[in-house]
């Protein structure tokens, strides 16, 4: 189980995900999920400015 959290001026978003696999696979998937979440945050920030 891996917990994620993103905080912005408009609020906080949290998620808990269960990734299957060994430690290496879980870490790799957690990093990928975290970066995708950050990318979504940046895209939302950009669309709010437009």
N, C-alpha and C. Protein backbone atom coordinates (compact mmCIF):
# COMPACT_ATOMS: atom_id res chain seq x y z
N UNK A 1 0.85 -1.16 0.00
CA UNK A 1 0.00 0.00 0.00
C UNK A 1 0.90 1.24 0.00
N UNK A 2 0.59 2.16 -0.90
CA UNK A 2 1.37 3.39 -1.02
C UNK A 2 0.40 4.57 -0.96
N UNK A 3 0.72 5.54 -0.11
CA UNK A 3 -0.12 6.74 0.04
C UNK A 3 0.53 7.90 -0.69
N UNK A 4 -0.31 8.69 -1.35
CA UNK A 4 0.14 9.85 -2.09
C UNK A 4 -0.64 11.07 -1.61
N UNK A 5 -0.03 12.23 -1.71
CA UNK A 5 -0.72 13.46 -1.37
C UNK A 5 -0.18 14.61 -2.18
N UNK A 6 -1.09 15.44 -2.68
CA UNK A 6 -0.73 16.64 -3.42
C UNK A 6 -1.48 17.80 -2.79
N UNK A 7 -0.75 18.83 -2.41
CA UNK A 7 -1.38 20.00 -1.79
C UNK A 7 -1.24 21.19 -2.72
N UNK A 8 -2.34 21.91 -2.90
CA UNK A 8 -2.35 23.11 -3.72
C UNK A 8 -3.02 24.23 -2.93
N UNK A 9 -3.05 25.39 -3.51
CA UNK A 9 -3.74 26.50 -2.86
C UNK A 9 -5.23 26.23 -2.72
N UNK A 10 -5.76 25.44 -3.64
CA UNK A 10 -7.20 25.16 -3.62
C UNK A 10 -7.57 23.96 -2.76
N UNK A 11 -6.59 23.24 -2.24
CA UNK A 11 -6.92 22.11 -1.38
C UNK A 11 -5.89 21.01 -1.41
N UNK A 12 -6.28 19.89 -0.86
CA UNK A 12 -5.40 18.73 -0.75
C UNK A 12 -6.08 17.53 -1.39
N UNK A 13 -5.31 16.75 -2.11
CA UNK A 13 -5.80 15.51 -2.71
C UNK A 13 -4.93 14.38 -2.17
N UNK A 14 -5.57 13.33 -1.68
CA UNK A 14 -4.83 12.17 -1.20
C UNK A 14 -5.35 10.92 -1.87
N UNK A 15 -4.48 9.96 -2.02
CA UNK A 15 -4.83 8.67 -2.61
C UNK A 15 -4.04 7.58 -1.91
N UNK A 16 -4.63 6.42 -1.84
CA UNK A 16 -3.92 5.23 -1.37
C UNK A 16 -4.09 4.17 -2.43
N UNK A 17 -2.97 3.65 -2.91
CA UNK A 17 -3.00 2.66 -3.98
C UNK A 17 -2.29 1.39 -3.52
N UNK A 18 -2.77 0.29 -4.03
CA UNK A 18 -2.15 -1.01 -3.77
C UNK A 18 -1.55 -1.50 -5.08
N UNK A 19 -0.24 -1.56 -5.13
CA UNK A 19 0.46 -2.03 -6.32
C UNK A 19 0.92 -3.46 -6.07
N UNK A 20 0.79 -4.29 -7.08
CA UNK A 20 1.21 -5.69 -6.98
C UNK A 20 2.63 -5.84 -7.52
N UNK A 21 3.35 -6.78 -6.97
CA UNK A 21 4.68 -7.07 -7.45
C UNK A 21 5.69 -7.04 -6.32
N UNK A 22 6.96 -7.21 -6.70
CA UNK A 22 8.01 -7.15 -5.70
C UNK A 22 8.36 -5.69 -5.39
N UNK A 23 9.27 -5.50 -4.48
CA UNK A 23 9.61 -4.14 -4.02
C UNK A 23 10.02 -3.23 -5.18
N UNK A 24 10.82 -3.75 -6.09
CA UNK A 24 11.27 -2.94 -7.23
C UNK A 24 10.09 -2.50 -8.09
N UNK A 25 9.20 -3.41 -8.41
CA UNK A 25 8.03 -3.09 -9.25
C UNK A 25 7.12 -2.09 -8.55
N UNK A 26 6.90 -2.28 -7.25
CA UNK A 26 6.06 -1.35 -6.49
C UNK A 26 6.67 0.04 -6.49
N UNK A 27 7.96 0.14 -6.25
CA UNK A 27 8.62 1.45 -6.26
C UNK A 27 8.52 2.11 -7.63
N UNK A 28 8.76 1.34 -8.67
CA UNK A 28 8.69 1.89 -10.04
C UNK A 28 7.29 2.39 -10.35
N UNK A 29 6.28 1.62 -9.99
CA UNK A 29 4.90 2.02 -10.25
C UNK A 29 4.49 3.21 -9.39
N UNK A 30 4.97 3.26 -8.16
CA UNK A 30 4.66 4.39 -7.28
C UNK A 30 5.27 5.68 -7.82
N UNK A 31 6.48 5.61 -8.31
CA UNK A 31 7.13 6.78 -8.89
C UNK A 31 6.37 7.24 -10.12
N UNK A 32 6.01 6.30 -10.98
CA UNK A 32 5.27 6.66 -12.20
C UNK A 32 3.92 7.29 -11.84
N UNK A 33 3.23 6.73 -10.86
CA UNK A 33 1.93 7.28 -10.45
C UNK A 33 2.10 8.69 -9.88
N UNK A 34 3.13 8.87 -9.07
CA UNK A 34 3.38 10.17 -8.47
C UNK A 34 3.67 11.23 -9.54
N UNK A 35 4.49 10.88 -10.51
CA UNK A 35 4.81 11.82 -11.59
C UNK A 35 3.59 12.13 -12.45
N UNK A 36 2.74 11.14 -12.69
CA UNK A 36 1.50 11.39 -13.44
C UNK A 36 0.58 12.31 -12.66
N UNK A 37 0.52 12.13 -11.35
CA UNK A 37 -0.29 13.02 -10.52
C UNK A 37 0.24 14.44 -10.55
N UNK A 38 1.54 14.59 -10.51
CA UNK A 38 2.15 15.92 -10.58
C UNK A 38 1.89 16.56 -11.94
N UNK A 39 1.98 15.77 -13.00
CA UNK A 39 1.69 16.28 -14.34
C UNK A 39 0.24 16.74 -14.43
N UNK A 40 -0.68 15.99 -13.88
CA UNK A 40 -2.09 16.39 -13.87
C UNK A 40 -2.27 17.70 -13.12
N UNK A 41 -1.58 17.83 -12.00
CA UNK A 41 -1.63 19.07 -11.23
C UNK A 41 -1.16 20.25 -12.08
N UNK A 42 -0.04 20.09 -12.77
CA UNK A 42 0.48 21.18 -13.61
C UNK A 42 -0.48 21.52 -14.74
N UNK A 43 -1.08 20.51 -15.35
CA UNK A 43 -2.04 20.75 -16.42
C UNK A 43 -3.27 21.48 -15.90
N UNK A 44 -3.75 21.12 -14.72
CA UNK A 44 -4.90 21.80 -14.13
C UNK A 44 -4.57 23.24 -13.79
N UNK A 45 -3.37 23.48 -13.30
CA UNK A 45 -2.96 24.84 -12.98
C UNK A 45 -2.92 25.70 -14.24
N UNK A 46 -2.41 25.13 -15.32
CA UNK A 46 -2.32 25.86 -16.58
C UNK A 46 -3.72 26.17 -17.13
N UNK A 47 -4.63 25.21 -17.04
CA UNK A 47 -5.98 25.43 -17.57
C UNK A 47 -6.74 26.45 -16.72
N UNK A 48 -6.45 26.53 -15.42
CA UNK A 48 -7.11 27.51 -14.56
C UNK A 48 -6.64 28.92 -14.88
N UNK A 49 -5.44 29.06 -15.38
CA UNK A 49 -4.88 30.38 -15.71
C UNK A 49 -5.42 30.90 -17.04
N UNK A 50 -5.87 29.99 -17.89
CA UNK A 50 -6.33 30.40 -19.23
C UNK A 50 -7.74 30.91 -19.20
